[in-house]
N, C-alpha and C. Protein backbone atom coordinates (compact mmCIF):
# COMPACT_ATOMS: atom_id res chain seq x y z
N MET A 1 -48.98 222.27 -75.52
CA MET A 1 -49.97 223.26 -75.25
C MET A 1 -49.48 224.63 -75.65
N ALA A 2 -48.22 224.83 -75.46
CA ALA A 2 -47.65 226.12 -75.84
C ALA A 2 -47.72 226.30 -77.35
N GLY A 3 -47.52 225.21 -78.09
CA GLY A 3 -47.61 225.30 -79.55
C GLY A 3 -49.02 225.65 -80.01
N ALA A 4 -50.00 225.05 -79.38
CA ALA A 4 -51.39 225.35 -79.72
C ALA A 4 -51.71 226.80 -79.38
N TYR A 5 -51.23 227.27 -78.25
CA TYR A 5 -51.47 228.67 -77.86
C TYR A 5 -50.82 229.62 -78.86
N ALA A 6 -49.60 229.29 -79.25
CA ALA A 6 -48.89 230.17 -80.17
C ALA A 6 -49.57 230.19 -81.54
N LEU A 7 -50.08 229.04 -82.00
CA LEU A 7 -50.68 228.98 -83.32
C LEU A 7 -52.08 229.56 -83.37
N TYR A 8 -52.89 229.28 -82.39
CA TYR A 8 -54.30 229.63 -82.49
C TYR A 8 -54.68 230.90 -81.73
N PHE A 9 -54.06 231.19 -80.63
CA PHE A 9 -54.46 232.37 -79.88
C PHE A 9 -53.65 233.60 -80.27
N LYS A 10 -52.40 233.44 -80.58
CA LYS A 10 -51.57 234.58 -80.97
C LYS A 10 -51.79 234.94 -82.43
N ARG A 11 -51.86 233.94 -83.29
CA ARG A 11 -51.95 234.23 -84.72
C ARG A 11 -53.38 234.12 -85.27
N GLY A 12 -54.30 233.55 -84.51
CA GLY A 12 -55.67 233.42 -84.98
C GLY A 12 -55.79 232.35 -86.06
N LEU A 13 -56.55 232.61 -87.10
CA LEU A 13 -56.76 231.65 -88.17
C LEU A 13 -55.51 231.47 -89.03
N ALA A 14 -54.62 232.42 -88.99
CA ALA A 14 -53.38 232.29 -89.77
C ALA A 14 -52.57 231.11 -89.26
N GLY A 15 -52.69 230.81 -87.99
CA GLY A 15 -52.00 229.65 -87.43
C GLY A 15 -52.50 228.36 -88.04
N ASP A 16 -53.79 228.28 -88.34
CA ASP A 16 -54.36 227.09 -88.97
C ASP A 16 -53.79 226.91 -90.37
N GLU A 17 -53.67 228.00 -91.10
CA GLU A 17 -53.10 227.92 -92.44
C GLU A 17 -51.62 227.55 -92.39
N LEU A 18 -50.92 228.06 -91.40
CA LEU A 18 -49.50 227.73 -91.23
C LEU A 18 -49.33 226.25 -90.91
N LEU A 19 -50.15 225.75 -90.03
CA LEU A 19 -50.07 224.33 -89.67
C LEU A 19 -50.43 223.46 -90.87
N THR A 20 -51.45 223.88 -91.63
CA THR A 20 -51.87 223.10 -92.79
C THR A 20 -50.78 223.04 -93.85
N SER A 21 -50.10 224.12 -94.06
CA SER A 21 -49.08 224.13 -95.10
C SER A 21 -47.83 223.36 -94.70
N ARG A 22 -47.50 223.30 -93.44
CA ARG A 22 -46.25 222.65 -93.01
C ARG A 22 -46.40 221.16 -92.76
N VAL A 23 -47.45 220.76 -92.17
CA VAL A 23 -47.60 219.34 -91.81
C VAL A 23 -48.93 218.80 -92.35
N ARG A 24 -49.04 218.79 -93.64
CA ARG A 24 -50.28 218.35 -94.30
C ARG A 24 -50.59 216.88 -93.99
N GLY A 25 -49.57 216.01 -94.06
CA GLY A 25 -49.79 214.58 -93.80
C GLY A 25 -50.21 214.31 -92.36
N LEU A 26 -49.58 215.00 -91.42
CA LEU A 26 -49.94 214.82 -90.01
C LEU A 26 -51.36 215.29 -89.77
N ARG A 27 -51.73 216.41 -90.36
CA ARG A 27 -53.09 216.93 -90.18
C ARG A 27 -54.12 215.94 -90.77
N ARG A 28 -53.81 215.37 -91.94
CA ARG A 28 -54.73 214.41 -92.55
C ARG A 28 -54.86 213.17 -91.67
N ALA A 29 -53.74 212.70 -91.13
CA ALA A 29 -53.77 211.52 -90.25
C ALA A 29 -54.57 211.81 -88.99
N LEU A 30 -54.39 212.99 -88.43
CA LEU A 30 -55.17 213.35 -87.24
C LEU A 30 -56.64 213.52 -87.56
N ALA A 31 -56.95 214.08 -88.72
CA ALA A 31 -58.35 214.24 -89.11
C ALA A 31 -59.01 212.89 -89.33
N ASN A 32 -58.24 211.91 -89.74
CA ASN A 32 -58.77 210.55 -89.94
C ASN A 32 -58.55 209.66 -88.72
N LYS A 33 -58.34 210.26 -87.57
CA LYS A 33 -58.19 209.55 -86.28
C LYS A 33 -57.03 208.55 -86.34
N LEU A 34 -55.95 208.98 -86.98
CA LEU A 34 -54.73 208.17 -87.11
C LEU A 34 -55.01 206.83 -87.78
N TYR A 35 -56.11 206.75 -88.54
CA TYR A 35 -56.51 205.56 -89.29
C TYR A 35 -56.71 204.34 -88.38
N VAL A 36 -57.09 204.60 -87.14
CA VAL A 36 -57.32 203.50 -86.19
C VAL A 36 -58.52 202.67 -86.62
N ASP A 37 -59.59 203.33 -87.09
CA ASP A 37 -60.78 202.59 -87.52
C ASP A 37 -60.48 201.69 -88.71
N GLU A 38 -59.69 202.20 -89.66
CA GLU A 38 -59.34 201.40 -90.83
C GLU A 38 -58.47 200.21 -90.43
N LEU A 39 -57.50 200.46 -89.55
CA LEU A 39 -56.62 199.38 -89.09
C LEU A 39 -57.42 198.33 -88.31
N TYR A 40 -58.32 198.78 -87.45
CA TYR A 40 -59.14 197.87 -86.67
C TYR A 40 -60.05 197.05 -87.59
N GLY A 41 -60.62 197.72 -88.58
CA GLY A 41 -61.47 196.99 -89.53
C GLY A 41 -60.70 195.95 -90.31
N TRP A 42 -59.48 196.28 -90.71
CA TRP A 42 -58.67 195.35 -91.48
C TRP A 42 -58.13 194.21 -90.61
N ALA A 43 -57.69 194.52 -89.38
CA ALA A 43 -57.02 193.52 -88.54
C ALA A 43 -57.99 192.70 -87.69
N VAL A 44 -59.14 193.26 -87.34
CA VAL A 44 -60.04 192.56 -86.42
C VAL A 44 -61.38 192.21 -87.08
N VAL A 45 -62.04 193.20 -87.65
CA VAL A 45 -63.40 192.99 -88.14
C VAL A 45 -63.43 192.03 -89.33
N ARG A 46 -62.55 192.26 -90.31
CA ARG A 46 -62.54 191.38 -91.48
C ARG A 46 -62.28 189.92 -91.13
N PRO A 47 -61.26 189.60 -90.31
CA PRO A 47 -61.07 188.19 -89.95
C PRO A 47 -62.24 187.59 -89.18
N ILE A 48 -62.87 188.37 -88.33
CA ILE A 48 -64.02 187.85 -87.58
C ILE A 48 -65.18 187.58 -88.52
N TRP A 49 -65.42 188.48 -89.49
CA TRP A 49 -66.48 188.24 -90.47
C TRP A 49 -66.17 187.01 -91.31
N ALA A 50 -64.90 186.83 -91.69
CA ALA A 50 -64.53 185.65 -92.48
C ALA A 50 -64.74 184.38 -91.66
N LEU A 51 -64.35 184.41 -90.39
CA LEU A 51 -64.56 183.25 -89.51
C LEU A 51 -66.06 182.97 -89.34
N ALA A 52 -66.84 184.02 -89.15
CA ALA A 52 -68.28 183.84 -88.97
C ALA A 52 -68.91 183.27 -90.24
N ARG A 53 -68.48 183.74 -91.40
CA ARG A 53 -69.01 183.24 -92.66
C ARG A 53 -68.65 181.76 -92.84
N GLY A 54 -67.40 181.40 -92.51
CA GLY A 54 -66.99 180.00 -92.62
C GLY A 54 -67.74 179.11 -91.64
N LEU A 55 -67.89 179.58 -90.41
CA LEU A 55 -68.65 178.80 -89.43
C LEU A 55 -70.10 178.66 -89.83
N TRP A 56 -70.66 179.72 -90.42
CA TRP A 56 -72.05 179.63 -90.87
C TRP A 56 -72.18 178.55 -91.94
N ARG A 57 -71.23 178.55 -92.89
CA ARG A 57 -71.32 177.55 -93.96
C ARG A 57 -71.16 176.14 -93.41
N PHE A 58 -70.23 175.95 -92.49
CA PHE A 58 -69.98 174.59 -91.99
C PHE A 58 -70.99 174.19 -90.93
N VAL A 59 -71.10 174.99 -89.87
CA VAL A 59 -71.94 174.59 -88.72
C VAL A 59 -73.42 174.72 -89.07
N ASP A 60 -73.84 175.87 -89.55
CA ASP A 60 -75.27 176.09 -89.76
C ASP A 60 -75.78 175.34 -90.98
N ALA A 61 -75.13 175.56 -92.12
CA ALA A 61 -75.64 174.97 -93.35
C ALA A 61 -75.40 173.47 -93.43
N THR A 62 -74.24 173.02 -92.97
CA THR A 62 -73.92 171.60 -93.12
C THR A 62 -74.45 170.77 -91.94
N ILE A 63 -74.07 171.15 -90.73
CA ILE A 63 -74.43 170.32 -89.57
C ILE A 63 -75.88 170.53 -89.15
N ILE A 64 -76.25 171.77 -88.86
CA ILE A 64 -77.59 172.00 -88.32
C ILE A 64 -78.66 171.75 -89.39
N ASP A 65 -78.52 172.41 -90.55
CA ASP A 65 -79.53 172.21 -91.60
C ASP A 65 -79.43 170.82 -92.20
N GLY A 66 -78.20 170.37 -92.45
CA GLY A 66 -78.04 169.08 -93.11
C GLY A 66 -78.41 167.91 -92.23
N LEU A 67 -77.98 167.94 -90.97
CA LEU A 67 -78.22 166.80 -90.09
C LEU A 67 -79.55 166.92 -89.36
N PHE A 68 -79.75 168.01 -88.67
CA PHE A 68 -80.91 168.11 -87.79
C PHE A 68 -82.19 168.50 -88.54
N VAL A 69 -82.11 169.45 -89.43
CA VAL A 69 -83.32 169.93 -90.10
C VAL A 69 -83.74 168.98 -91.21
N ASN A 70 -82.78 168.49 -91.99
CA ASN A 70 -83.12 167.61 -93.11
C ASN A 70 -82.81 166.14 -92.84
N GLY A 71 -81.73 165.87 -92.11
CA GLY A 71 -81.29 164.49 -91.94
C GLY A 71 -82.17 163.65 -91.04
N ILE A 72 -82.46 164.13 -89.86
CA ILE A 72 -83.27 163.36 -88.91
C ILE A 72 -84.69 163.15 -89.42
N PRO A 73 -85.36 164.17 -89.97
CA PRO A 73 -86.69 163.90 -90.53
C PRO A 73 -86.66 162.88 -91.68
N SER A 74 -85.61 162.93 -92.49
CA SER A 74 -85.49 161.94 -93.57
C SER A 74 -85.31 160.54 -93.00
N LEU A 75 -84.50 160.42 -91.95
CA LEU A 75 -84.30 159.13 -91.30
C LEU A 75 -85.61 158.61 -90.70
N ILE A 76 -86.34 159.48 -90.05
CA ILE A 76 -87.62 159.08 -89.45
C ILE A 76 -88.61 158.67 -90.54
N ALA A 77 -88.63 159.38 -91.66
CA ALA A 77 -89.51 159.01 -92.76
C ALA A 77 -89.13 157.64 -93.32
N TRP A 78 -87.84 157.37 -93.44
CA TRP A 78 -87.40 156.07 -93.95
C TRP A 78 -87.76 154.94 -92.98
N ILE A 79 -87.52 155.16 -91.67
CA ILE A 79 -87.85 154.14 -90.66
C ILE A 79 -89.35 153.89 -90.64
N SER A 80 -90.14 154.95 -90.74
CA SER A 80 -91.60 154.75 -90.72
C SER A 80 -92.07 154.04 -91.98
N ALA A 81 -91.42 154.29 -93.12
CA ALA A 81 -91.78 153.56 -94.34
C ALA A 81 -91.46 152.07 -94.19
N MET A 82 -90.34 151.75 -93.54
CA MET A 82 -89.99 150.34 -93.30
C MET A 82 -90.96 149.71 -92.30
N ALA A 83 -91.30 150.44 -91.25
CA ALA A 83 -92.21 149.91 -90.23
C ALA A 83 -93.61 149.71 -90.79
N ARG A 84 -94.02 150.54 -91.73
CA ARG A 84 -95.35 150.43 -92.33
C ARG A 84 -95.51 149.11 -93.08
N ARG A 85 -94.41 148.59 -93.60
CA ARG A 85 -94.48 147.31 -94.32
C ARG A 85 -94.82 146.15 -93.38
N PHE A 86 -94.38 146.28 -92.12
CA PHE A 86 -94.61 145.19 -91.16
C PHE A 86 -95.95 145.32 -90.46
N GLN A 87 -96.54 146.47 -90.47
CA GLN A 87 -97.81 146.65 -89.77
C GLN A 87 -98.95 146.68 -90.78
N ASN A 88 -99.46 145.50 -91.03
CA ASN A 88 -100.55 145.40 -91.99
C ASN A 88 -101.85 144.92 -91.36
N GLY A 89 -101.86 144.69 -90.06
CA GLY A 89 -103.07 144.23 -89.38
C GLY A 89 -103.20 142.72 -89.32
N ASP A 90 -102.22 141.98 -89.80
CA ASP A 90 -102.28 140.51 -89.80
C ASP A 90 -101.78 140.01 -88.45
N VAL A 91 -102.70 139.54 -87.61
CA VAL A 91 -102.37 139.11 -86.25
C VAL A 91 -101.46 137.89 -86.27
N GLN A 92 -101.63 136.99 -87.23
CA GLN A 92 -100.79 135.80 -87.31
C GLN A 92 -99.32 136.18 -87.56
N ARG A 93 -99.08 137.20 -88.38
CA ARG A 93 -97.70 137.63 -88.63
C ARG A 93 -97.11 138.24 -87.35
N TYR A 94 -97.90 139.03 -86.60
CA TYR A 94 -97.42 139.61 -85.34
C TYR A 94 -97.03 138.51 -84.37
N ALA A 95 -97.84 137.47 -84.27
CA ALA A 95 -97.57 136.36 -83.36
C ALA A 95 -96.31 135.62 -83.79
N ALA A 96 -96.12 135.44 -85.09
CA ALA A 96 -94.93 134.74 -85.59
C ALA A 96 -93.67 135.54 -85.30
N VAL A 97 -93.72 136.83 -85.51
CA VAL A 97 -92.54 137.67 -85.24
C VAL A 97 -92.24 137.70 -83.75
N THR A 98 -93.28 137.74 -82.93
CA THR A 98 -93.07 137.72 -81.48
C THR A 98 -92.47 136.39 -81.05
N ALA A 99 -92.93 135.31 -81.59
CA ALA A 99 -92.39 133.99 -81.25
C ALA A 99 -90.94 133.87 -81.67
N LEU A 100 -90.60 134.38 -82.85
CA LEU A 100 -89.19 134.36 -83.29
C LEU A 100 -88.31 135.21 -82.37
N GLY A 101 -88.82 136.33 -81.93
CA GLY A 101 -88.06 137.19 -81.01
C GLY A 101 -87.83 136.51 -79.67
N VAL A 102 -88.85 135.85 -79.14
CA VAL A 102 -88.71 135.13 -77.88
C VAL A 102 -87.73 133.98 -78.04
N ALA A 103 -87.79 133.28 -79.16
CA ALA A 103 -86.86 132.17 -79.41
C ALA A 103 -85.42 132.68 -79.50
N ALA A 104 -85.23 133.80 -80.14
CA ALA A 104 -83.88 134.38 -80.25
C ALA A 104 -83.36 134.79 -78.88
N LEU A 105 -84.21 135.37 -78.04
CA LEU A 105 -83.79 135.76 -76.69
C LEU A 105 -83.46 134.53 -75.85
N LEU A 106 -84.29 133.48 -75.94
CA LEU A 106 -84.01 132.25 -75.20
C LEU A 106 -82.68 131.64 -75.64
N TYR A 107 -82.41 131.64 -76.92
CA TYR A 107 -81.14 131.12 -77.42
C TYR A 107 -79.97 131.92 -76.87
N VAL A 108 -80.09 133.23 -76.88
CA VAL A 108 -78.99 134.08 -76.40
C VAL A 108 -78.75 133.87 -74.92
N PHE A 109 -79.81 133.82 -74.13
CA PHE A 109 -79.63 133.73 -72.67
C PHE A 109 -79.39 132.33 -72.16
N LEU A 110 -79.98 131.33 -72.77
CA LEU A 110 -79.85 129.97 -72.25
C LEU A 110 -78.72 129.19 -72.90
N VAL A 111 -78.59 129.25 -74.18
CA VAL A 111 -77.58 128.45 -74.88
C VAL A 111 -76.22 129.15 -74.85
N ARG A 112 -76.20 130.40 -75.16
CA ARG A 112 -74.94 131.12 -75.27
C ARG A 112 -74.46 131.70 -73.92
N GLY A 113 -75.38 131.88 -72.99
CA GLY A 113 -75.07 132.53 -71.73
C GLY A 113 -74.37 131.64 -70.77
């Protein structure tokens, strides 16, 4: 505090010129807030952005879009296309498939059980 008093109150603006000429690097560092923002951006913000970008590519684009948005609807479309082949309105075919299913269940529970 005494240094600030001596430079600015006793000498006026001449103290500012004196300080500028003697410690130019320190003044620049103080004017740039000791480069804390740059250090924080380099050490914290950049890695977090890189992690977020990587997670976006893997989680969002691959898992969510690939599996849930595109994968499940494609699976449902394929299953419905297969099911459409069996549902043609032929009651005799429905009865035959039901009889085969009942026979398979009886075999599993009575013979193998």
